[in-house]
Every structure is written in C-alpha cells, then in structure tokens.
C-alpha cells in the first residue's frame, strides 16, 4: 500500500530571516512544530487567523503563521514572531 504524501513546506524570505534571529533552544521547538505541519497541517492546536488569511500555531512564545494550499499540498509559512500586539498585522 502506498504511503500518503505529506505537505511540502515553504518558508517565505521574511519568515526565514525571522527564524535566523531566534535563539537555538526556541529554534529547535519551532523547527519541530513546522515539520509536524507536513503530516497534519491543521493540528488541534491551530487557530484560524481573522485579520489575514491562514492559520497560526504556537511554539513556546512564538507564533508560526501560515497558509495551506490543499490542492497542491503546500504550506507557506510567512511569519515567525514572538507573541505581541502586532504579531498578526
């Protein structure tokens, strides 16, 4: 029986830059959360974002913001930010 294909994960330039500035212990947690999205793009802990299209998941004090293209099986991560007032803007 063929194994179902997971989703491809793409980090936008801005998200890559934000990820580079995250300290290693938190970065490991974020990397783990991102890789789990390829298997389950809508985990129970994800929330639909109201101000913008997409979803968010938590990884410690950080929020990972992303969109899902179910037809193409692609997840685009567009922000990785510390939770704050302007996180979703």
PDB file of N, CA and C in Angstrom:
ATOM      1  N   UNK A   1       0.840  -1.181   0.000  1.00  0.00           N
ATOM      2  CA  UNK A   1       0.000   0.000   0.000  1.00  0.00           C
ATOM      3  C   UNK A   1       0.886   1.245   0.000  1.00  0.00           C
ATOM      4  N   UNK A   2       0.557   2.198  -0.846  1.00  0.00           N
ATOM      5  CA  UNK A   2       1.357   3.421  -0.968  1.00  0.00           C
ATOM      6  C   UNK A   2       1.164   4.316   0.248  1.00  0.00           C
ATOM      7  N   UNK A   3       2.248   4.897   0.685  1.00  0.00           N
ATOM      8  CA  UNK A   3       2.218   5.819   1.822  1.00  0.00           C
ATOM      9  C   UNK A   3       1.721   7.179   1.330  1.00  0.00           C
ATOM     10  N   UNK A   4       0.751   7.805   2.016  1.00  0.00           N
ATOM     11  CA  UNK A   4       0.256   9.104   1.563  1.00  0.00           C
ATOM     12  C   UNK A   4       1.346  10.169   1.670  1.00  0.00           C
ATOM     13  N   UNK A   5       1.375  11.039   0.682  1.00  0.00           N
ATOM     14  CA  UNK A   5       2.372  12.101   0.658  1.00  0.00           C
ATOM     15  C   UNK A   5       1.976  13.213   1.620  1.00  0.00           C
ATOM     16  N   UNK A   6       2.961  13.758   2.318  1.00  0.00           N
ATOM     17  CA  UNK A   6       2.709  14.889   3.195  1.00  0.00           C
ATOM     18  C   UNK A   6       2.728  16.187   2.414  1.00  0.00           C
ATOM     19  N   UNK A   7       2.525  17.260   3.120  1.00  0.00           N
ATOM     20  CA  UNK A   7       2.535  18.592   2.517  1.00  0.00           C
ATOM     21  C   UNK A   7       3.976  19.091   2.407  1.00  0.00           C
ATOM     22  N   UNK A   8       4.256  19.821   1.332  1.00  0.00           N
ATOM     23  CA  UNK A   8       5.550  20.469   1.164  1.00  0.00           C
ATOM     24  C   UNK A   8       5.507  21.774   1.954  1.00  0.00           C
ATOM     25  N   UNK A   9       6.589  22.083   2.655  1.00  0.00           N
ATOM     26  CA  UNK A   9       6.642  23.304   3.455  1.00  0.00           C
ATOM     27  C   UNK A   9       7.593  24.297   2.803  1.00  0.00           C
ATOM     28  N   UNK A  10       7.100  25.519   2.617  1.00  0.00           N
ATOM     29  CA  UNK A  10       7.897  26.594   2.027  1.00  0.00           C
ATOM     30  C   UNK A  10       7.946  27.744   3.030  1.00  0.00           C
ATOM     31  N   UNK A  11       9.150  28.227   3.316  1.00  0.00           N
ATOM     32  CA  UNK A  11       9.316  29.404   4.170  1.00  0.00           C
ATOM     33  C   UNK A  11       9.560  30.612   3.278  1.00  0.00           C
ATOM     34  N   UNK A  12       8.723  31.623   3.427  1.00  0.00           N
ATOM     35  CA  UNK A  12       8.946  32.863   2.688  1.00  0.00           C
ATOM     36  C   UNK A  12      10.212  33.533   3.220  1.00  0.00           C
ATOM     37  N   UNK A  13      10.764  34.418   2.416  1.00  0.00           N
ATOM     38  CA  UNK A  13      12.011  35.103   2.752  1.00  0.00           C
ATOM     39  C   UNK A  13      11.939  35.773   4.129  1.00  0.00           C
ATOM     40  N   UNK A  14      10.837  36.432   4.402  1.00  0.00           N
ATOM     41  CA  UNK A  14      10.667  37.136   5.681  1.00  0.00           C
ATOM     42  C   UNK A  14      10.686  36.157   6.857  1.00  0.00           C
ATOM     43  N   UNK A  15      10.012  35.019   6.707  1.00  0.00           N
ATOM     44  CA  UNK A  15       9.978  34.014   7.771  1.00  0.00           C
ATOM     45  C   UNK A  15      11.365  33.414   7.997  1.00  0.00           C
ATOM     46  N   UNK A  16      12.107  33.181   6.921  1.00  0.00           N
ATOM     47  CA  UNK A  16      13.478  32.658   7.052  1.00  0.00           C
ATOM     48  C   UNK A  16      14.341  33.625   7.846  1.00  0.00           C
ATOM     49  N   UNK A  17      14.213  34.903   7.528  1.00  0.00           N
ATOM     50  CA  UNK A  17      15.006  35.928   8.213  1.00  0.00           C
ATOM     51  C   UNK A  17      14.634  35.985   9.701  1.00  0.00           C
ATOM     52  N   UNK A  18      13.340  35.920   9.996  1.00  0.00           N
ATOM     53  CA  UNK A  18      12.892  35.932  11.395  1.00  0.00           C
ATOM     54  C   UNK A  18      13.406  34.701  12.131  1.00  0.00           C
ATOM     55  N   UNK A  19      13.417  33.552  11.466  1.00  0.00           N
ATOM     56  CA  UNK A  19      13.872  32.308  12.087  1.00  0.00           C
ATOM     57  C   UNK A  19      15.361  32.368  12.426  1.00  0.00           C
ATOM     58  N   UNK A  20      16.137  33.038  11.605  1.00  0.00           N
ATOM     59  CA  UNK A  20      17.578  33.150  11.839  1.00  0.00           C
ATOM     60  C   UNK A  20      17.894  33.879  13.144  1.00  0.00           C
ATOM     61  N   UNK A  21      17.011  34.750  13.589  1.00  0.00           N
ATOM     62  CA  UNK A  21      17.249  35.548  14.793  1.00  0.00           C
ATOM     63  C   UNK A  21      16.727  34.902  16.071  1.00  0.00           C
ATOM     64  N   UNK A  22      16.210  33.695  15.980  1.00  0.00           N
ATOM     65  CA  UNK A  22      15.647  33.015  17.148  1.00  0.00           C
ATOM     66  C   UNK A  22      16.743  32.201  17.831  1.00  0.00           C
ATOM     67  N   UNK A  23      16.863  32.296  19.168  1.00  0.00           N
ATOM     68  CA  UNK A  23      17.878  31.527  19.894  1.00  0.00           C
ATOM     69  C   UNK A  23      17.693  30.011  19.696  1.00  0.00           C
ATOM     70  N   UNK A  24      18.803  29.249  19.724  1.00  0.00           N
ATOM     71  CA  UNK A  24      18.752  27.802  19.435  1.00  0.00           C
ATOM     72  C   UNK A  24      17.709  26.976  20.194  1.00  0.00           C
ATOM     73  N   UNK A  25      17.537  27.138  21.510  1.00  0.00           N
ATOM     74  CA  UNK A  25      16.526  26.284  22.172  1.00  0.00           C
ATOM     75  C   UNK A  25      15.112  26.492  21.618  1.00  0.00           C
ATOM     76  N   UNK A  26      14.744  27.748  21.392  1.00  0.00           N
ATOM     77  CA  UNK A  26      13.425  28.037  20.831  1.00  0.00           C
ATOM     78  C   UNK A  26      13.366  27.629  19.363  1.00  0.00           C
ATOM     79  N   UNK A  27      14.471  27.775  18.658  1.00  0.00           N
ATOM     80  CA  UNK A  27      14.523  27.418  17.240  1.00  0.00           C
ATOM     81  C   UNK A  27      14.236  25.930  17.058  1.00  0.00           C
ATOM     82  N   UNK A  28      14.764  25.102  17.947  1.00  0.00           N
ATOM     83  CA  UNK A  28      14.521  23.656  17.873  1.00  0.00           C
ATOM     84  C   UNK A  28      13.027  23.365  18.023  1.00  0.00           C
ATOM     85  N   UNK A  29      12.382  24.026  18.955  1.00  0.00           N
ATOM     86  CA  UNK A  29      10.940  23.843  19.170  1.00  0.00           C
ATOM     87  C   UNK A  29      10.146  24.277  17.937  1.00  0.00           C
ATOM     88  N   UNK A  30      10.554  25.382  17.335  1.00  0.00           N
ATOM     89  CA  UNK A  30       9.881  25.892  16.139  1.00  0.00           C
ATOM     90  C   UNK A  30      10.081  24.942  14.961  1.00  0.00           C
ATOM     91  N   UNK A  31      11.315  24.457  14.773  1.00  0.00           N
ATOM     92  CA  UNK A  31      11.594  23.506  13.687  1.00  0.00           C
ATOM     93  C   UNK A  31      10.736  22.253  13.819  1.00  0.00           C
ATOM     94  N   UNK A  32      10.589  21.781  15.040  1.00  0.00           N
ATOM     95  CA  UNK A  32       9.772  20.588  15.302  1.00  0.00           C
ATOM     96  C   UNK A  32       8.300  20.854  14.956  1.00  0.00           C
ATOM     97  N   UNK A  33       7.798  22.015  15.358  1.00  0.00           N
ATOM     98  CA  UNK A  33       6.403  22.374  15.066  1.00  0.00           C
ATOM     99  C   UNK A  33       6.172  22.504  13.566  1.00  0.00           C
ATOM    100  N   UNK A  34       7.121  23.106  12.867  1.00  0.00           N
ATOM    101  CA  UNK A  34       6.993  23.279  11.417  1.00  0.00           C
ATOM    102  C   UNK A  34       7.006  21.933  10.710  1.00  0.00           C
ATOM    103  N   UNK A  35       7.926  21.055  11.088  1.00  0.00           N
ATOM    104  CA  UNK A  35       7.992  19.754  10.411  1.00  0.00           C
ATOM    105  C   UNK A  35       6.743  18.919  10.664  1.00  0.00           C
ATOM    106  N   UNK A  36       6.107  19.089  11.816  1.00  0.00           N
ATOM    107  CA  UNK A  36       4.877  18.336  12.092  1.00  0.00           C
ATOM    108  C   UNK A  36       3.718  18.792  11.200  1.00  0.00           C
ATOM    109  N   UNK A  37       3.794  20.016  10.682  1.00  0.00           N
ATOM    110  CA  UNK A  37       2.742  20.515   9.795  1.00  0.00           C
ATOM    111  C   UNK A  37       2.671  19.731   8.490  1.00  0.00           C
ATOM    112  N   UNK A  38       3.787  19.172   8.041  1.00  0.00           N
ATOM    113  CA  UNK A  38       3.780  18.430   6.777  1.00  0.00           C
ATOM    114  C   UNK A  38       2.886  17.202   6.856  1.00  0.00           C
ATOM    115  N   UNK A  39       2.720  16.654   8.048  1.00  0.00           N
ATOM    116  CA  UNK A  39       1.861  15.489   8.249  1.00  0.00           C
ATOM    117  C   UNK A  39       0.433  15.913   8.577  1.00  0.00           C
ATOM    118  N   UNK A  40       0.303  16.942   9.413  1.00  0.00           N
ATOM    119  CA  UNK A  40      -1.014  17.410   9.844  1.00  0.00           C
ATOM    120  C   UNK A  40      -1.039  18.940   9.795  1.00  0.00           C
ATOM    121  N   UNK A  41      -1.469  19.529   8.670  1.00  0.00           N
ATOM    122  CA  UNK A  41      -1.428  20.987   8.538  1.00  0.00           C
ATOM    123  C   UNK A  41      -2.431  21.740   9.417  1.00  0.00           C
ATOM    124  N   UNK A  42      -3.390  21.026   9.947  1.00  0.00           N
ATOM    125  CA  UNK A  42      -4.379  21.659  10.831  1.00  0.00           C
ATOM    126  C   UNK A  42      -4.458  20.891  12.154  1.00  0.00           C
ATOM    127  N   UNK A  43      -3.395  20.981  12.967  1.00  0.00           N
ATOM    128  CA  UNK A  43      -3.444  20.282  14.255  1.00  0.00           C
ATOM    129  C   UNK A  43      -4.532  20.883  15.145  1.00  0.00           C
ATOM    130  N   UNK A  44      -4.903  20.158  16.159  1.00  0.00           N
ATOM    131  CA  UNK A  44      -5.953  20.615  17.079  1.00  0.00           C
ATOM    132  C   UNK A  44      -5.605  21.986  17.657  1.00  0.00           C
ATOM    133  N   UNK A  45      -4.337  22.233  17.876  1.00  0.00           N
ATOM    134  CA  UNK A  45      -3.909  23.494  18.497  1.00  0.00           C
ATOM    135  C   UNK A  45      -3.855  24.679  17.533  1.00  0.00           C
ATOM    136  N   UNK A  46      -4.086  24.466  16.238  1.00  0.00           N
ATOM    137  CA  UNK A  46      -4.007  25.587  15.289  1.00  0.00           C
ATOM    138  C   UNK A  46      -5.250  26.463  15.409  1.00  0.00           C
ATOM    139  N   UNK A  47      -5.076  27.715  15.085  1.00  0.00           N
ATOM    140  CA  UNK A  47      -6.182  28.678  15.115  1.00  0.00           C
ATOM    141  C   UNK A  47      -6.266  29.358  13.762  1.00  0.00           C
ATOM    142  N   UNK A  48      -7.485  29.599  13.310  1.00  0.00           N
ATOM    143  CA  UNK A  48      -7.704  30.350  12.074  1.00  0.00           C
ATOM    144  C   UNK A  48      -7.450  31.817  12.388  1.00  0.00           C
ATOM    145  N   UNK A  49      -6.717  32.488  11.526  1.00  0.00           N
ATOM    146  CA  UNK A  49      -6.416  33.905  11.715  1.00  0.00           C
ATOM    147  C   UNK A  49      -7.561  34.717  11.121  1.00  0.00           C
ATOM    148  N   UNK A  50      -8.012  35.726  11.850  1.00  0.00           N
ATOM    149  CA  UNK A  50      -9.143  36.515  11.374  1.00  0.00           C
ATOM    150  C   UNK A  50      -8.715  37.741  10.566  1.00  0.00           C
ATOM    151  N   UNK A  51      -7.608  38.393  10.944  1.00  0.00           N
ATOM    152  CA  UNK A  51      -7.195  39.600  10.233  1.00  0.00           C
ATOM    153  C   UNK A  51      -6.585  39.296   8.869  1.00  0.00           C
ATOM    154  N   UNK A  52      -5.997  38.145   8.714  1.00  0.00           N
ATOM    155  CA  UNK A  52      -5.348  37.745   7.468  1.00  0.00           C
ATOM    156  C   UNK A  52      -5.758  36.320   7.155  1.00  0.00           C
ATOM    157  N   UNK A  53      -5.522  35.929   5.918  1.00  0.00           N
ATOM    158  CA  UNK A  53      -5.805  34.555   5.526  1.00  0.00           C
ATOM    159  C   UNK A  53      -4.784  33.627   6.190  1.00  0.00           C
ATOM    160  N   UNK A  54      -5.224  32.472   6.618  1.00  0.00           N
ATOM    161  CA  UNK A  54      -4.288  31.476   7.111  1.00  0.00           C
ATOM    162  C   UNK A  54      -4.555  31.015   8.524  1.00  0.00           C
ATOM    163  N   UNK A  55      -3.534  30.379   9.075  1.00  0.00           N
ATOM    164  CA  UNK A  55      -3.607  29.755  10.387  1.00  0.00           C
ATOM    165  C   UNK A  55      -2.378  30.135  11.195  1.00  0.00           C
ATOM    166  N   UNK A  56      -2.447  29.826  12.488  1.00  0.00           N
ATOM    167  CA  UNK A  56      -1.283  30.011  13.343  1.00  0.00           C
ATOM    168  C   UNK A  56      -1.180  28.836  14.294  1.00  0.00           C
ATOM    169  N   UNK A  57       0.053  28.505  14.639  1.00  0.00           N
ATOM    170  CA  UNK A  57       0.297  27.544  15.706  1.00  0.00           C
ATOM    171  C   UNK A  57       1.286  28.180  16.669  1.00  0.00           C
ATOM    172  N   UNK A  58       1.287  27.664  17.868  1.00  0.00           N
ATOM    173  CA  UNK A  58       2.162  28.149  18.922  1.00  0.00           C
ATOM    174  C   UNK A  58       3.374  27.246  19.044  1.00  0.00           C
ATOM    175  N   UNK A  59       4.516  27.840  19.281  1.00  0.00           N
ATOM    176  CA  UNK A  59       5.733  27.104  19.617  1.00  0.00           C
ATOM    177  C   UNK A  59       6.415  27.916  20.711  1.00  0.00           C
ATOM    178  N   UNK A  60       6.074  27.622  21.956  1.00  0.00           N
ATOM    179  CA  UNK A  60       6.569  28.425  23.072  1.00  0.00           C
ATOM    180  C   UNK A  60       5.971  29.813  23.010  1.00  0.00           C
ATOM    181  N   UNK A  61       6.823  30.840  23.076  1.00  0.00           N
ATOM    182  CA  UNK A  61       6.358  32.230  22.994  1.00  0.00           C
ATOM    183  C   UNK A  61       6.223  32.720  21.560  1.00  0.00           C
ATOM    184  N   UNK A  62       6.520  31.866  20.612  1.00  0.00           N
ATOM    185  CA  UNK A  62       6.475  32.246  19.198  1.00  0.00           C
ATOM    186  C   UNK A  62       5.195  31.778  18.533  1.00  0.00           C
ATOM    187  N   UNK A  63       4.810  32.509  17.485  1.00  0.00           N
ATOM    188  CA  UNK A  63       3.663  32.132  16.664  1.00  0.00           C
ATOM    189  C   UNK A  63       4.163  31.905  15.249  1.00  0.00           C
ATOM    190  N   UNK A  64       3.721  30.807  14.655  1.00  0.00           N
ATOM    191  CA  UNK A  64       4.072  30.471  13.282  1.00  0.00           C
ATOM    192  C   UNK A  64       2.818  30.699  12.457  1.00  0.00           C
ATOM    193  N   UNK A  65       2.880  31.626  11.513  1.00  0.00           N
ATOM    194  CA  UNK A  65       1.727  31.990  10.691  1.00  0.00           C
ATOM    195  C   UNK A  65       1.910  31.397   9.302  1.00  0.00           C
ATOM    196  N   UNK A  66       0.855  30.753   8.798  1.00  0.00           N
ATOM    197  CA  UNK A  66       0.992  30.049   7.524  1.00  0.00           C
ATOM    198  C   UNK A  66      -0.324  29.926   6.782  1.00  0.00           C
ATOM    199  N   UNK A  67      -0.209  29.642   5.485  1.00  0.00           N
ATOM    200  CA  UNK A  67      -1.373  29.360   4.648  1.00  0.00           C
ATOM    201  C   UNK A  67      -1.242  27.933   4.127  1.00  0.00           C
ATOM    202  N   UNK A  68      -2.373  27.366   3.733  1.00  0.00           N
ATOM    203  CA  UNK A  68      -2.404  25.990   3.241  1.00  0.00           C
ATOM    204  C   UNK A  68      -3.054  25.967   1.865  1.00  0.00           C
ATOM    205  N   UNK A  69      -2.405  25.289   0.932  1.00  0.00           N
ATOM    206  CA  UNK A  69      -2.990  25.019  -0.382  1.00  0.00           C
ATOM    207  C   UNK A  69      -3.209  23.510  -0.436  1.00  0.00           C
ATOM    208  N   UNK A  70      -4.456  23.088  -0.175  1.00  0.00           N
ATOM    209  CA  UNK A  70      -4.756  21.658  -0.102  1.00  0.00           C
ATOM    210  C   UNK A  70      -4.633  20.956  -1.451  1.00  0.00           C
ATOM    211  N   UNK A  71      -4.954  21.659  -2.534  1.00  0.00           N
ATOM    212  CA  UNK A  71      -4.859  21.030  -3.861  1.00  0.00           C
ATOM    213  C   UNK A  71      -3.412  20.703  -4.212  1.00  0.00           C
ATOM    214  N   UNK A  72      -2.531  21.661  -3.997  1.00  0.00           N
ATOM    215  CA  UNK A  72      -1.117  21.477  -4.327  1.00  0.00           C
ATOM    216  C   UNK A  72      -0.340  20.810  -3.192  1.00  0.00           C
ATOM    217  N   UNK A  73      -0.985  20.660  -2.025  1.00  0.00           N
ATOM    218  CA  UNK A  73      -0.352  20.094  -0.825  1.00  0.00           C
ATOM    219  C   UNK A  73       0.898  20.894  -0.445  1.00  0.00           C
ATOM    220  N   UNK A  74       0.688  22.211  -0.316  1.00  0.00           N
ATOM    221  CA  UNK A  74       1.780  23.120   0.040  1.00  0.00           C
ATOM    222  C   UNK A  74       1.369  23.970   1.240  1.00  0.00           C
ATOM    223  N   UNK A  75       2.298  24.132   2.167  1.00  0.00           N
ATOM    224  CA  UNK A  75       2.132  25.031   3.304  1.00  0.00           C
ATOM    225  C   UNK A  75       3.168  26.136   3.140  1.00  0.00           C
ATOM    226  N   UNK A  76       2.705  27.388   3.168  1.00  0.00           N
ATOM    227  CA  UNK A  76       3.615  28.529   3.055  1.00  0.00           C
ATOM    228  C   UNK A  76       3.651  29.234   4.405  1.00  0.00           C
ATOM    229  N   UNK A  77       4.812  29.234   5.025  1.00  0.00           N
ATOM    230  CA  UNK A  77       4.997  29.924   6.302  1.00  0.00           C
ATOM    231  C   UNK A  77       5.468  31.335   5.984  1.00  0.00           C
ATOM    232  N   UNK A  78       4.665  32.331   6.407  1.00  0.00           N
ATOM    233  CA  UNK A  78       5.007  33.702   6.046  1.00  0.00           C
ATOM    234  C   UNK A  78       5.488  34.545   7.212  1.00  0.00           C
ATOM    235  N   UNK A  79       5.317  34.106   8.448  1.00  0.00           N
ATOM    236  CA  UNK A  79       5.836  34.840   9.610  1.00  0.00           C
ATOM    237  C   UNK A  79       6.164  33.867  10.734  1.00  0.00           C
ATOM    238  N   UNK A  80       7.207  34.198  11.497  1.00  0.00           N
ATOM    239  CA  UNK A  80       7.541  33.509  12.745  1.00  0.00           C
ATOM    240  C   UNK A  80       7.869  34.630  13.715  1.00  0.00           C
ATOM    241  N   UNK A  81       6.960  34.898  14.647  1.00  0.00           N
ATOM    242  CA  UNK A  81       7.100  36.062  15.512  1.00  0.00           C
ATOM    243  C   UNK A  81       6.854  35.727  16.970  1.00  0.00           C
ATOM    244  N   UNK A  82       7.476  36.537  17.838  1.00  0.00           N
ATOM    245  CA  UNK A  82       7.167  36.468  19.262  1.00  0.00           C
ATOM    246  C   UNK A  82       5.762  37.012  19.427  1.00  0.00           C
ATOM    247  N   UNK A  83       4.969  36.379  20.268  1.00  0.00           N
ATOM    248  CA  UNK A  83       3.596  36.821  20.501  1.00  0.00           C
ATOM    249  C   UNK A  83       3.613  38.239  21.053  1.00  0.00           C
ATOM    250  N   UNK A  84       2.866  39.111  20.391  1.00  0.00           N
ATOM    251  CA  UNK A  84       2.766  40.502  20.815  1.00  0.00           C
ATOM    252  C   UNK A  84       1.575  41.157  20.153  1.00  0.00           C
ATOM    253  N   UNK A  85       1.401  42.451  20.396  1.00  0.00           N
ATOM    254  CA  UNK A  85       0.259  43.172  19.833  1.00  0.00           C
ATOM    255  C   UNK A  85       0.255  43.179  18.312  1.00  0.00           C
ATOM    256  N   UNK A  86       1.433  43.256  17.702  1.00  0.00           N
ATOM    257  CA  UNK A  86       1.495  43.361  16.244  1.00  0.00           C
ATOM    258  C   UNK A  86       1.801  42.034  15.545  1.00  0.00           C
ATOM    259  N   UNK A  87       1.664  40.928  16.213  1.00  0.00           N
ATOM    260  CA  UNK A  87       2.001  39.624  15.638  1.00  0.00           C
ATOM    261  C   UNK A  87       1.221  39.326  14.374  1.00  0.00           C
ATOM    262  N   UNK A  88      -0.054  39.654  14.339  1.00  0.00           N
ATOM    263  CA  UNK A  88      -0.909  39.252  13.225  1.00  0.00           C
ATOM    264  C   UNK A  88      -1.122  40.350  12.194  1.00  0.00           C
ATOM    265  N   UNK A  89      -0.363  41.432  12.268  1.00  0.00           N
ATOM    266  CA  UNK A  89      -0.516  42.539  11.311  1.00  0.00           C
ATOM    267  C   UNK A  89       0.432  42.371  10.162  1.00  0.00           C
TER     268      UNK A  89
END
